[in-house]
Amino acid sequence: MEDFEKIYVDGVYVIAVNLTRATINEAITFRKMVKEDINSGQTKLVIDLSMCDYVDSTFFGAIIVASRMLIDIGFKLKVVKPAPGGEHIFTYTNYVKVFDKYKTREDAIKSFEEDIQPES
């Protein structure tokens, strides 16, 4: 299985992070891939962290870069919450409210078309 899987569902671009530990080792590749995708016009973007038990600050920084790029052009990043052990980074960095976070990939995808509220 690839570390990062790109999936298109109903016009929404999903990047599934297929890692139990998302760390500095993968952050550079991830950041480059996401920047290229946003620059090529992918604006409905979901980052699926549901397989991640751990997300380090460098990888989290790459997600923040993607979020800022989308905000700058009028869009918002949607994130599928990591496994319970991986959620600490959102609280620890005080970025709890910056991203729209969803329990499932399906909810995140539907949120682009329907009024599905993110989780807190």
PDB file of N, CA and C in Angstrom:
ATOM      1  N   MET A   1       0.837  -1.172   0.000  1.00  0.00           N
ATOM      2  CA  MET A   1       0.000   0.000   0.000  1.00  0.00           C
ATOM      3  C   MET A   1       0.891   1.248   0.000  1.00  0.00           C
ATOM      4  N   GLU A   2       0.506   2.217  -0.815  1.00  0.00           N
ATOM      5  CA  GLU A   2       1.239   3.482  -0.895  1.00  0.00           C
ATOM      6  C   GLU A   2       1.074   4.271   0.410  1.00  0.00           C
ATOM      7  N   ASP A   3       2.074   5.084   0.755  1.00  0.00           N
ATOM      8  CA  ASP A   3       1.968   5.941   1.936  1.00  0.00           C
ATOM      9  C   ASP A   3       0.839   6.954   1.787  1.00  0.00           C
ATOM     10  N   PHE A   4       0.667   7.460   0.537  1.00  0.00           N
ATOM     11  CA  PHE A   4      -0.366   8.446   0.255  1.00  0.00           C
ATOM     12  C   PHE A   4      -1.171   7.971  -0.943  1.00  0.00           C
ATOM     13  N   GLU A   5      -2.455   7.873  -0.750  1.00  0.00           N
ATOM     14  CA  GLU A   5      -3.342   7.394  -1.799  1.00  0.00           C
ATOM     15  C   GLU A   5      -4.272   8.527  -2.206  1.00  0.00           C
ATOM     16  N   LYS A   6      -4.288   8.836  -3.493  1.00  0.00           N
ATOM     17  CA  LYS A   6      -5.155   9.887  -4.018  1.00  0.00           C
ATOM     18  C   LYS A   6      -6.438   9.253  -4.544  1.00  0.00           C
ATOM     19  N   ILE A   7      -7.557   9.784  -4.071  1.00  0.00           N
ATOM     20  CA  ILE A   7      -8.861   9.233  -4.431  1.00  0.00           C
ATOM     21  C   ILE A   7      -9.766  10.391  -4.829  1.00  0.00           C
ATOM     22  N   TYR A   8     -10.525  10.218  -5.916  1.00  0.00           N
ATOM     23  CA  TYR A   8     -11.520  11.210  -6.321  1.00  0.00           C
ATOM     24  C   TYR A   8     -12.900  10.632  -6.081  1.00  0.00           C
ATOM     25  N   VAL A   9     -13.710  11.351  -5.302  1.00  0.00           N
ATOM     26  CA  VAL A   9     -15.068  10.904  -5.002  1.00  0.00           C
ATOM     27  C   VAL A   9     -15.999  12.105  -5.146  1.00  0.00           C
ATOM     28  N   ASP A  10     -16.944  12.013  -6.068  1.00  0.00           N
ATOM     29  CA  ASP A  10     -17.943  13.065  -6.243  1.00  0.00           C
ATOM     30  C   ASP A  10     -17.320  14.455  -6.378  1.00  0.00           C
ATOM     31  N   GLY A  11     -16.247  14.554  -7.124  1.00  0.00           N
ATOM     32  CA  GLY A  11     -15.602  15.847  -7.356  1.00  0.00           C
ATOM     33  C   GLY A  11     -14.726  16.328  -6.210  1.00  0.00           C
ATOM     34  N   VAL A  12     -14.537  15.494  -5.209  1.00  0.00           N
ATOM     35  CA  VAL A  12     -13.706  15.837  -4.056  1.00  0.00           C
ATOM     36  C   VAL A  12     -12.415  15.032  -4.133  1.00  0.00           C
ATOM     37  N   TYR A  13     -11.316  15.718  -3.889  1.00  0.00           N
ATOM     38  CA  TYR A  13      -9.991  15.115  -3.930  1.00  0.00           C
ATOM     39  C   TYR A  13      -9.616  14.701  -2.505  1.00  0.00           C
ATOM     40  N   VAL A  14      -9.393  13.415  -2.297  1.00  0.00           N
ATOM     41  CA  VAL A  14      -9.046  12.885  -0.978  1.00  0.00           C
ATOM     42  C   VAL A  14      -7.617  12.363  -1.024  1.00  0.00           C
ATOM     43  N   ILE A  15      -6.839  12.763  -0.028  1.00  0.00           N
ATOM     44  CA  ILE A  15      -5.514  12.166   0.154  1.00  0.00           C
ATOM     45  C   ILE A  15      -5.589  11.336   1.426  1.00  0.00           C
ATOM     46  N   ALA A  16      -5.534  10.024   1.261  1.00  0.00           N
ATOM     47  CA  ALA A  16      -5.531   9.111   2.405  1.00  0.00           C
ATOM     48  C   ALA A  16      -4.083   8.915   2.837  1.00  0.00           C
ATOM     49  N   VAL A  17      -3.811   9.230   4.086  1.00  0.00           N
ATOM     50  CA  VAL A  17      -2.475   9.045   4.646  1.00  0.00           C
ATOM     51  C   VAL A  17      -2.449   7.650   5.260  1.00  0.00           C
ATOM     52  N   ASN A  18      -1.840   6.726   4.545  1.00  0.00           N
ATOM     53  CA  ASN A  18      -1.828   5.311   4.944  1.00  0.00           C
ATOM     54  C   ASN A  18      -0.616   4.985   5.804  1.00  0.00           C
ATOM     55  N   LEU A  19      -0.473   5.739   6.870  1.00  0.00           N
ATOM     56  CA  LEU A  19       0.650   5.570   7.787  1.00  0.00           C
ATOM     57  C   LEU A  19       0.119   5.500   9.209  1.00  0.00           C
ATOM     58  N   THR A  20       0.705   4.668  10.042  1.00  0.00           N
ATOM     59  CA  THR A  20       0.330   4.701  11.452  1.00  0.00           C
ATOM     60  C   THR A  20       1.061   5.838  12.154  1.00  0.00           C
ATOM     61  N   ARG A  21       2.258   6.180  11.632  1.00  0.00           N
ATOM     62  CA  ARG A  21       3.031   7.308  12.174  1.00  0.00           C
ATOM     63  C   ARG A  21       3.374   8.254  11.023  1.00  0.00           C
ATOM     64  N   ALA A  22       2.763   9.437  11.041  1.00  0.00           N
ATOM     65  CA  ALA A  22       3.033  10.463  10.030  1.00  0.00           C
ATOM     66  C   ALA A  22       4.077  11.409  10.620  1.00  0.00           C
ATOM     67  N   THR A  23       5.296  11.339  10.097  1.00  0.00           N
ATOM     68  CA  THR A  23       6.421  12.046  10.723  1.00  0.00           C
ATOM     69  C   THR A  23       7.202  12.876   9.717  1.00  0.00           C
ATOM     70  N   ILE A  24       8.256  13.484  10.203  1.00  0.00           N
ATOM     71  CA  ILE A  24       9.150  14.290   9.386  1.00  0.00           C
ATOM     72  C   ILE A  24       9.641  13.506   8.167  1.00  0.00           C
ATOM     73  N   ASN A  25       9.769  12.200   8.306  1.00  0.00           N
ATOM     74  CA  ASN A  25      10.272  11.372   7.210  1.00  0.00           C
ATOM     75  C   ASN A  25       9.373  11.425   5.979  1.00  0.00           C
ATOM     76  N   GLU A  26       8.077  11.605   6.186  1.00  0.00           N
ATOM     77  CA  GLU A  26       7.124  11.642   5.078  1.00  0.00           C
ATOM     78  C   GLU A  26       6.634  13.059   4.767  1.00  0.00           C
ATOM     79  N   ALA A  27       6.902  14.000   5.643  1.00  0.00           N
ATOM     80  CA  ALA A  27       6.337  15.354   5.530  1.00  0.00           C
ATOM     81  C   ALA A  27       6.760  16.079   4.256  1.00  0.00           C
ATOM     82  N   ILE A  28       8.002  15.958   3.856  1.00  0.00           N
ATOM     83  CA  ILE A  28       8.476  16.675   2.669  1.00  0.00           C
ATOM     84  C   ILE A  28       7.758  16.176   1.421  1.00  0.00           C
ATOM     85  N   THR A  29       7.653  14.869   1.279  1.00  0.00           N
ATOM     86  CA  THR A  29       6.940  14.289   0.140  1.00  0.00           C
ATOM     87  C   THR A  29       5.481  14.713   0.151  1.00  0.00           C
ATOM     88  N   PHE A  30       4.853  14.652   1.310  1.00  0.00           N
ATOM     89  CA  PHE A  30       3.452  15.024   1.442  1.00  0.00           C
ATOM     90  C   PHE A  30       3.241  16.497   1.077  1.00  0.00           C
ATOM     91  N   ARG A  31       4.059  17.377   1.636  1.00  0.00           N
ATOM     92  CA  ARG A  31       3.923  18.813   1.385  1.00  0.00           C
ATOM     93  C   ARG A  31       4.080  19.121  -0.104  1.00  0.00           C
ATOM     94  N   LYS A  32       5.064  18.537  -0.740  1.00  0.00           N
ATOM     95  CA  LYS A  32       5.292  18.771  -2.174  1.00  0.00           C
ATOM     96  C   LYS A  32       4.093  18.290  -2.988  1.00  0.00           C
ATOM     97  N   MET A  33       3.595  17.109  -2.683  1.00  0.00           N
ATOM     98  CA  MET A  33       2.464  16.544  -3.409  1.00  0.00           C
ATOM     99  C   MET A  33       1.225  17.428  -3.269  1.00  0.00           C
ATOM    100  N   VAL A  34       0.927  17.848  -2.047  1.00  0.00           N
ATOM    101  CA  VAL A  34      -0.268  18.660  -1.804  1.00  0.00           C
ATOM    102  C   VAL A  34      -0.142  20.025  -2.481  1.00  0.00           C
ATOM    103  N   LYS A  35       1.017  20.652  -2.400  1.00  0.00           N
ATOM    104  CA  LYS A  35       1.225  21.950  -3.067  1.00  0.00           C
ATOM    105  C   LYS A  35       0.986  21.832  -4.570  1.00  0.00           C
ATOM    106  N   GLU A  36       1.542  20.800  -5.178  1.00  0.00           N
ATOM    107  CA  GLU A  36       1.359  20.593  -6.621  1.00  0.00           C
ATOM    108  C   GLU A  36      -0.112  20.382  -6.954  1.00  0.00           C
ATOM    109  N   ASP A  37      -0.802  19.625  -6.133  1.00  0.00           N
ATOM    110  CA  ASP A  37      -2.217  19.352  -6.393  1.00  0.00           C
ATOM    111  C   ASP A  37      -3.067  20.610  -6.261  1.00  0.00           C
ATOM    112  N   ILE A  38      -2.823  21.405  -5.234  1.00  0.00           N
ATOM    113  CA  ILE A  38      -3.576  22.655  -5.064  1.00  0.00           C
ATOM    114  C   ILE A  38      -3.260  23.613  -6.200  1.00  0.00           C
ATOM    115  N   ASN A  39      -1.998  23.714  -6.562  1.00  0.00           N
ATOM    116  CA  ASN A  39      -1.611  24.611  -7.660  1.00  0.00           C
ATOM    117  C   ASN A  39      -2.192  24.172  -9.001  1.00  0.00           C
ATOM    118  N   SER A  40      -2.521  22.888  -9.123  1.00  0.00           N
ATOM    119  CA  SER A  40      -3.124  22.400 -10.368  1.00  0.00           C
ATOM    120  C   SER A  40      -4.653  22.491 -10.347  1.00  0.00           C
ATOM    121  N   GLY A  41      -5.216  23.076  -9.269  1.00  0.00           N
ATOM    122  CA  GLY A  41      -6.648  23.334  -9.249  1.00  0.00           C
ATOM    123  C   GLY A  41      -7.483  22.474  -8.331  1.00  0.00           C
ATOM    124  N   GLN A  42      -6.862  21.631  -7.526  1.00  0.00           N
ATOM    125  CA  GLN A  42      -7.631  20.808  -6.585  1.00  0.00           C
ATOM    126  C   GLN A  42      -7.997  21.668  -5.375  1.00  0.00           C
ATOM    127  N   THR A  43      -9.258  22.076  -5.278  1.00  0.00           N
ATOM    128  CA  THR A  43      -9.673  22.971  -4.190  1.00  0.00           C
ATOM    129  C   THR A  43     -10.615  22.306  -3.192  1.00  0.00           C
ATOM    130  N   LYS A  44     -11.281  21.259  -3.592  1.00  0.00           N
ATOM    131  CA  LYS A  44     -12.103  20.489  -2.656  1.00  0.00           C
ATOM    132  C   LYS A  44     -11.220  19.363  -2.144  1.00  0.00           C
ATOM    133  N   LEU A  45     -10.580  19.602  -1.010  1.00  0.00           N
ATOM    134  CA  LEU A  45      -9.533  18.706  -0.534  1.00  0.00           C
ATOM    135  C   LEU A  45      -9.832  18.175   0.861  1.00  0.00           C
ATOM    136  N   VAL A  46      -9.708  16.846   0.989  1.00  0.00           N
ATOM    137  CA  VAL A  46      -9.850  16.155   2.270  1.00  0.00           C
ATOM    138  C   VAL A  46      -8.540  15.420   2.542  1.00  0.00           C
ATOM    139  N   ILE A  47      -7.998  15.626   3.733  1.00  0.00           N
ATOM    140  CA  ILE A  47      -6.842  14.848   4.181  1.00  0.00           C
ATOM    141  C   ILE A  47      -7.379  13.823   5.179  1.00  0.00           C
ATOM    142  N   ASP A  48      -7.231  12.547   4.851  1.00  0.00           N
ATOM    143  CA  ASP A  48      -7.750  11.474   5.695  1.00  0.00           C
ATOM    144  C   ASP A  48      -6.620  10.921   6.563  1.00  0.00           C
ATOM    145  N   LEU A  49      -6.678  11.254   7.845  1.00  0.00           N
ATOM    146  CA  LEU A  49      -5.669  10.811   8.809  1.00  0.00           C
ATOM    147  C   LEU A  49      -6.155   9.643   9.664  1.00  0.00           C
ATOM    148  N   SER A  50      -7.239   9.008   9.268  1.00  0.00           N
ATOM    149  CA  SER A  50      -7.870   7.997  10.122  1.00  0.00           C
ATOM    150  C   SER A  50      -6.978   6.799  10.446  1.00  0.00           C
ATOM    151  N   MET A  51      -5.961   6.555   9.649  1.00  0.00           N
ATOM    152  CA  MET A  51      -5.052   5.434   9.940  1.00  0.00           C
ATOM    153  C   MET A  51      -3.903   5.831  10.858  1.00  0.00           C
ATOM    154  N   CYS A  52      -3.763   7.121  11.132  1.00  0.00           N
ATOM    155  CA  CYS A  52      -2.614   7.628  11.896  1.00  0.00           C
ATOM    156  C   CYS A  52      -2.840   7.551  13.396  1.00  0.00           C
ATOM    157  N   ASP A  53      -1.955   6.838  14.066  1.00  0.00           N
ATOM    158  CA  ASP A  53      -1.953   6.812  15.525  1.00  0.00           C
ATOM    159  C   ASP A  53      -1.092   7.933  16.085  1.00  0.00           C
ATOM    160  N   TYR A  54      -0.242   8.502  15.220  1.00  0.00           N
ATOM    161  CA  TYR A  54       0.682   9.552  15.657  1.00  0.00           C
ATOM    162  C   TYR A  54       0.943  10.481  14.487  1.00  0.00           C
ATOM    163  N   VAL A  55       0.858  11.786  14.745  1.00  0.00           N
ATOM    164  CA  VAL A  55       1.183  12.811  13.756  1.00  0.00           C
ATOM    165  C   VAL A  55       2.167  13.759  14.429  1.00  0.00           C
ATOM    166  N   ASP A  56       3.385  13.871  13.875  1.00  0.00           N
ATOM    167  CA  ASP A  56       4.354  14.757  14.517  1.00  0.00           C
ATOM    168  C   ASP A  56       4.183  16.194  14.024  1.00  0.00           C
ATOM    169  N   SER A  57       4.888  17.115  14.661  1.00  0.00           N
ATOM    170  CA  SER A  57       4.702  18.534  14.377  1.00  0.00           C
ATOM    171  C   SER A  57       5.125  18.916  12.958  1.00  0.00           C
ATOM    172  N   THR A  58       6.106  18.257  12.395  1.00  0.00           N
ATOM    173  CA  THR A  58       6.541  18.577  11.037  1.00  0.00           C
ATOM    174  C   THR A  58       5.485  18.161  10.027  1.00  0.00           C
ATOM    175  N   PHE A  59       4.929  16.985  10.178  1.00  0.00           N
ATOM    176  CA  PHE A  59       3.869  16.547   9.278  1.00  0.00           C
ATOM    177  C   PHE A  59       2.645  17.432   9.450  1.00  0.00           C
ATOM    178  N   PHE A  60       2.325  17.772  10.697  1.00  0.00           N
ATOM    179  CA  PHE A  60       1.207  18.656  10.971  1.00  0.00           C
ATOM    180  C   PHE A  60       1.439  20.020  10.302  1.00  0.00           C
ATOM    181  N   GLY A  61       2.671  20.477  10.319  1.00  0.00           N
ATOM    182  CA  GLY A  61       3.011  21.732   9.644  1.00  0.00           C
ATOM    183  C   GLY A  61       2.717  21.679   8.155  1.00  0.00           C
ATOM    184  N   ALA A  62       2.936  20.534   7.535  1.00  0.00           N
ATOM    185  CA  ALA A  62       2.630  20.378   6.109  1.00  0.00           C
ATOM    186  C   ALA A  62       1.122  20.489   5.865  1.00  0.00           C
ATOM    187  N   ILE A  63       0.322  20.004   6.807  1.00  0.00           N
ATOM    188  CA  ILE A  63      -1.134  20.132   6.693  1.00  0.00           C
ATOM    189  C   ILE A  63      -1.537  21.602   6.836  1.00  0.00           C
ATOM    190  N   ILE A  64      -0.889  22.311   7.745  1.00  0.00           N
ATOM    191  CA  ILE A  64      -1.168  23.738   7.931  1.00  0.00           C
ATOM    192  C   ILE A  64      -0.839  24.520   6.665  1.00  0.00           C
ATOM    193  N   VAL A  65       0.273  24.201   6.009  1.00  0.00           N
ATOM    194  CA  VAL A  65       0.635  24.861   4.745  1.00  0.00           C
ATOM    195  C   VAL A  65      -0.469  24.652   3.715  1.00  0.00           C
ATOM    196  N   ALA A  66      -0.969  23.429   3.608  1.00  0.00           N
ATOM    197  CA  ALA A  66      -2.055  23.141   2.664  1.00  0.00           C
ATOM    198  C   ALA A  66      -3.297  23.948   3.018  1.00  0.00           C
ATOM    199  N   SER A  67      -3.612  24.019   4.293  1.00  0.00           N
ATOM    200  CA  SER A  67      -4.780  24.769   4.734  1.00  0.00           C
ATOM    201  C   SER A  67      -4.647  26.244   4.374  1.00  0.00           C
ATOM    202  N   ARG A  68      -3.499  26.818   4.621  1.00  0.00           N
ATOM    203  CA  ARG A  68      -3.277  28.239   4.312  1.00  0.00           C
ATOM    204  C   ARG A  68      -3.348  28.508   2.815  1.00  0.00           C
ATOM    205  N   MET A  69      -2.821  27.601   2.030  1.00  0.00           N
ATOM    206  CA  MET A  69      -2.905  27.757   0.571  1.00  0.00           C
ATOM    207  C   MET A  69      -4.364  27.802   0.127  1.00  0.00           C
ATOM    208  N   LEU A  70      -5.179  26.912   0.683  1.00  0.00           N
ATOM    209  CA  LEU A  70      -6.595  26.877   0.315  1.00  0.00           C
ATOM    210  C   LEU A  70      -7.342  28.107   0.824  1.00  0.00           C
ATOM    211  N   ILE A  71      -7.060  28.526   2.040  1.00  0.00           N
ATOM    212  CA  ILE A  71      -7.699  29.729   2.590  1.00  0.00           C
ATOM    213  C   ILE A  71      -7.382  30.937   1.724  1.00  0.00           C
ATOM    214  N   ASP A  72      -6.147  31.041   1.261  1.00  0.00           N
ATOM    215  CA  ASP A  72      -5.733  32.174   0.421  1.00  0.00           C
ATOM    216  C   ASP A  72      -6.526  32.279  -0.872  1.00  0.00           C
ATOM    217  N   ILE A  73      -7.077  31.155  -1.349  1.00  0.00           N
ATOM    218  CA  ILE A  73      -7.851  31.194  -2.597  1.00  0.00           C
ATOM    219  C   ILE A  73      -9.347  30.965  -2.339  1.00  0.00           C
ATOM    220  N   GLY A  74      -9.744  31.074  -1.065  1.00  0.00           N
ATOM    221  CA  GLY A  74     -11.162  31.046  -0.734  1.00  0.00           C
ATOM    222  C   GLY A  74     -11.767  29.691  -0.436  1.00  0.00           C
ATOM    223  N   PHE A  75     -10.959  28.723  -0.096  1.00  0.00           N
ATOM    224  CA  PHE A  75     -11.461  27.382   0.201  1.00  0.00           C
ATOM    225  C   PHE A  75     -10.983  26.950   1.581  1.00  0.00           C
ATOM    226  N   LYS A  76     -11.522  25.840   2.076  1.00  0.00           N
ATOM    227  CA  LYS A  76     -11.157  25.349   3.394  1.00  0.00           C
ATOM    228  C   LYS A  76     -10.843  23.863   3.341  1.00  0.00           C
ATOM    229  N   LEU A  77      -9.773  23.499   3.990  1.00  0.00           N
ATOM    230  CA  LEU A  77      -9.345  22.100   4.082  1.00  0.00           C
ATOM    231  C   LEU A  77     -10.252  21.334   5.038  1.00  0.00           C
ATOM    232  N   LYS A  78     -10.581  20.114   4.674  1.00  0.00           N
ATOM    233  CA  LYS A  78     -11.343  19.210   5.534  1.00  0.00           C
ATOM    234  C   LYS A  78     -10.408  18.080   5.946  1.00  0.00           C
ATOM    235  N   VAL A  79     -10.500  17.677   7.211  1.00  0.00           N
ATOM    236  CA  VAL A  79      -9.607  16.644   7.737  1.00  0.00           C
ATOM    237  C   VAL A  79     -10.431  15.539   8.381  1.00  0.00           C
ATOM    238  N   VAL A  80     -10.121  14.289   8.038  1.00  0.00           N
ATOM    239  CA  VAL A  80     -10.686  13.147   8.747  1.00  0.00           C
ATOM    240  C   VAL A  80      -9.780  12.917   9.945  1.00  0.00           C
ATOM    241  N   LYS A  81     -10.387  12.928  11.120  1.00  0.00           N
ATOM    242  CA  LYS A  81      -9.638  12.862  12.362  1.00  0.00           C
ATOM    243  C   LYS A  81      -8.764  11.608  12.436  1.00  0.00           C
ATOM    244  N   PRO A  82      -7.583  11.767  13.024  1.00  0.00           N
ATOM    245  CA  PRO A  82      -6.723  10.595  13.208  1.00  0.00           C
ATOM    246  C   PRO A  82      -7.288   9.667  14.275  1.00  0.00           C
ATOM    247  N   ALA A  83      -6.693   8.498  14.344  1.00  0.00           N
ATOM    248  CA  ALA A  83      -7.050   7.554  15.403  1.00  0.00           C
ATOM    249  C   ALA A  83      -6.890   8.260  16.751  1.00  0.00           C
ATOM    250  N   PRO A  84      -7.558   7.786  17.789  1.00  0.00           N
ATOM    251  CA  PRO A  84      -7.539   8.489  19.085  1.00  0.00           C
ATOM    252  C   PRO A  84      -6.151   8.909  19.573  1.00  0.00           C
ATOM    253  N   GLY A  85      -5.141   8.112  19.367  1.00  0.00           N
ATOM    254  CA  GLY A  85      -3.803   8.474  19.817  1.00  0.00           C
ATOM    255  C   GLY A  85      -3.183   9.607  19.026  1.00  0.00           C
ATOM    256  N   GLY A  86      -3.663   9.843  17.806  1.00  0.00           N
ATOM    257  CA  GLY A  86      -3.090  10.869  16.952  1.00  0.00           C
ATOM    258  C   GLY A  86      -3.712  12.240  17.091  1.00  0.00           C
ATOM    259  N   GLU A  87      -4.799  12.353  17.842  1.00  0.00           N
ATOM    260  CA  GLU A  87      -5.498  13.633  17.965  1.00  0.00           C
ATOM    261  C   GLU A  87      -4.772  14.646  18.837  1.00  0.00           C
ATOM    262  N   HIS A  88      -3.793  14.217  19.607  1.00  0.00           N
ATOM    263  CA  HIS A  88      -3.109  15.124  20.527  1.00  0.00           C
ATOM    264  C   HIS A  88      -2.531  16.346  19.831  1.00  0.00           C
ATOM    265  N   ILE A  89      -2.073  16.189  18.605  1.00  0.00           N
ATOM    266  CA  ILE A  89      -1.410  17.291  17.907  1.00  0.00           C
ATOM    267  C   ILE A  89      -2.366  18.459  17.680  1.00  0.00           C
ATOM    268  N   PHE A  90      -3.642  18.190  17.460  1.00  0.00           N
ATOM    269  CA  PHE A  90      -4.611  19.263  17.256  1.00  0.00           C
ATOM    270  C   PHE A  90      -4.785  20.085  18.536  1.00  0.00           C
ATOM    271  N   THR A  91      -4.851  19.409  19.657  1.00  0.00           N
ATOM    272  CA  THR A  91      -5.032  20.085  20.931  1.00  0.00           C
ATOM    273  C   THR A  91      -3.746  20.754  21.386  1.00  0.00           C
ATOM    274  N   TYR A  92      -2.648  20.042  21.285  1.00  0.00           N
ATOM    275  CA  TYR A  92      -1.352  20.532  21.757  1.00  0.00           C
ATOM    276  C   TYR A  92      -0.934  21.810  21.031  1.00  0.00           C
ATOM    277  N   THR A  93      -1.207  21.884  19.739  1.00  0.00           N
ATOM    278  CA  THR A  93      -0.796  23.049  18.949  1.00  0.00           C
ATOM    279  C   THR A  93      -1.849  24.149  18.935  1.00  0.00           C
ATOM    280  N   ASN A  94      -2.987  23.911  19.596  1.00  0.00           N
ATOM    281  CA  ASN A  94      -4.088  24.873  19.648  1.00  0.00           C
ATOM    282  C   ASN A  94      -4.699  25.129  18.270  1.00  0.00           C
ATOM    283  N   TYR A  95      -4.616  24.163  17.382  1.00  0.00           N
ATOM    284  CA  TYR A  95      -5.226  24.256  16.058  1.00  0.00           C
ATOM    285  C   TYR A  95      -6.545  23.492  16.021  1.00  0.00           C
ATOM    286  N   VAL A  96      -7.153  23.323  17.170  1.00  0.00           N
ATOM    287  CA  VAL A  96      -8.387  22.543  17.271  1.00  0.00           C
ATOM    288  C   VAL A  96      -9.463  23.096  16.342  1.00  0.00           C
ATOM    289  N   LYS A  97      -9.574  24.411  16.229  1.00  0.00           N
ATOM    290  CA  LYS A  97     -10.665  25.013  15.461  1.00  0.00           C
ATOM    291  C   LYS A  97     -10.267  25.486  14.072  1.00  0.00           C
ATOM    292  N   VAL A  98      -9.048  25.294  13.667  1.00  0.00           N
ATOM    293  CA  VAL A  98      -8.587  25.771  12.363  1.00  0.00           C
ATOM    294  C   VAL A  98      -9.124  24.914  11.222  1.00  0.00           C
ATOM    295  N   PHE A  99      -9.167  23.635  11.428  1.00  0.00           N
ATOM    296  CA  PHE A  99      -9.607  22.706  10.391  1.00  0.00           C
ATOM    297  C   PHE A  99     -11.027  22.253  10.665  1.00  0.00           C
ATOM    298  N   ASP A 100     -11.763  21.991   9.601  1.00  0.00           N
ATOM    299  CA  ASP A 100     -13.022  21.268   9.749  1.00  0.00           C
ATOM    300  C   ASP A 100     -12.651  19.796   9.859  1.00  0.00           C
ATOM    301  N   LYS A 101     -12.943  19.193  11.009  1.00  0.00           N
ATOM    302  CA  LYS A 101     -12.576  17.800  11.257  1.00  0.00           C
ATOM    303  C   LYS A 101     -13.827  16.936  11.262  1.00  0.00           C
ATOM    304  N   TYR A 102     -13.716  15.761  10.651  1.00  0.00           N
ATOM    305  CA  TYR A 102     -14.840  14.834  10.534  1.00  0.00           C
ATOM    306  C   TYR A 102     -14.417  13.466  11.012  1.00  0.00           C
ATOM    307  N   LYS A 103     -15.391  12.715  11.490  1.00  0.00           N
ATOM    308  CA  LYS A 103     -15.124  11.372  12.000  1.00  0.00           C
ATOM    309  C   LYS A 103     -14.845  10.393  10.870  1.00  0.00           C
ATOM    310  N   THR A 104     -15.518  10.581   9.723  1.00  0.00           N
ATOM    311  CA  THR A 104     -15.337   9.651   8.607  1.00  0.00           C
ATOM    312  C   THR A 104     -15.027  10.399   7.314  1.00  0.00           C
ATOM    313  N   ARG A 105     -14.429   9.689   6.402  1.00  0.00           N
ATOM    314  CA  ARG A 105     -14.144  10.231   5.076  1.00  0.00           C
ATOM    315  C   ARG A 105     -15.442  10.604   4.372  1.00  0.00           C
ATOM    316  N   GLU A 106     -16.445   9.756   4.525  1.00  0.00           N
ATOM    317  CA  GLU A 106     -17.728   9.998   3.859  1.00  0.00           C
ATOM    318  C   GLU A 106     -18.353  11.310   4.321  1.00  0.00           C
ATOM    319  N   ASP A 107     -18.302  11.584   5.635  1.00  0.00           N
ATOM    320  CA  ASP A 107     -18.852  12.839   6.150  1.00  0.00           C
ATOM    321  C   ASP A 107     -18.075  14.041   5.613  1.00  0.00           C
ATOM    322  N   ALA A 108     -16.769  13.912   5.547  1.00  0.00           N
ATOM    323  CA  ALA A 108     -15.951  15.021   5.032  1.00  0.00           C
ATOM    324  C   ALA A 108     -16.284  15.301   3.566  1.00  0.00           C
ATOM    325  N   ILE A 109     -16.450  14.260   2.780  1.00  0.00           N
ATOM    326  CA  ILE A 109     -16.785  14.427   1.360  1.00  0.00           C
ATOM    327  C   ILE A 109     -18.170  15.055   1.216  1.00  0.00           C
ATOM    328  N   LYS A 110     -19.131  14.530   1.952  1.00  0.00           N
ATOM    329  CA  LYS A 110     -20.500  15.052   1.876  1.00  0.00           C
ATOM    330  C   LYS A 110     -20.582  16.502   2.322  1.00  0.00           C
ATOM    331  N   SER A 111     -19.698  16.923   3.206  1.00  0.00           N
ATOM    332  CA  SER A 111     -19.767  18.284   3.755  1.00  0.00           C
ATOM    333  C   SER A 111     -19.587  19.361   2.687  1.00  0.00           C
ATOM    334  N   PHE A 112     -19.002  19.005   1.558  1.00  0.00           N
ATOM    335  CA  PHE A 112     -18.843  19.983   0.477  1.00  0.00           C
ATOM    336  C   PHE A 112     -20.185  20.306  -0.178  1.00  0.00           C
ATOM    337  N   GLU A 113     -21.121  19.367  -0.105  1.00  0.00           N
ATOM    338  CA  GLU A 113     -22.426  19.552  -0.759  1.00  0.00           C
ATOM    339  C   GLU A 113     -23.566  19.728   0.226  1.00  0.00           C
ATOM    340  N   GLU A 114     -23.448  19.129   1.393  1.00  0.00           N
ATOM    341  CA  GLU A 114     -24.531  19.151   2.371  1.00  0.00           C
ATOM    342  C   GLU A 114     -24.089  19.949   3.596  1.00  0.00           C
ATOM    343  N   ASP A 115     -25.035  20.234   4.440  1.00  0.00           N
ATOM    344  CA  ASP A 115     -24.744  20.987   5.655  1.00  0.00           C
ATOM    345  C   ASP A 115     -24.375  20.039   6.789  1.00  0.00           C
ATOM    346  N   ILE A 116     -23.245  19.368   6.638  1.00  0.00           N
ATOM    347  CA  ILE A 116     -22.756  18.467   7.688  1.00  0.00           C
ATOM    348  C   ILE A 116     -21.730  19.245   8.508  1.00  0.00           C
ATOM    349  N   GLN A 117     -21.992  19.380   9.782  1.00  0.00           N
ATOM    350  CA  GLN A 117     -21.139  20.150  10.650  1.00  0.00           C
ATOM    351  C   GLN A 117     -19.900  19.351  11.056  1.00  0.00           C
ATOM    352  N   PRO A 118     -18.758  20.033  11.107  1.00  0.00           N
ATOM    353  CA  PRO A 118     -17.547  19.343  11.571  1.00  0.00           C
ATOM    354  C   PRO A 118     -17.660  19.034  13.055  1.00  0.00           C
ATOM    355  N   GLU A 119     -16.854  18.076  13.492  1.00  0.00           N
ATOM    356  CA  GLU A 119     -16.794  17.763  14.909  1.00  0.00           C
ATOM    357  C   GLU A 119     -15.884  18.761  15.592  1.00  0.00           C
ATOM    358  N   SER A 120     -16.076  18.929  16.878  1.00  0.00           N
ATOM    359  CA  SER A 120     -15.203  19.858  17.608  1.00  0.00           C
ATOM    360  C   SER A 120     -13.998  19.147  18.138  1.00  0.00           C
TER     361      SER A 120
END
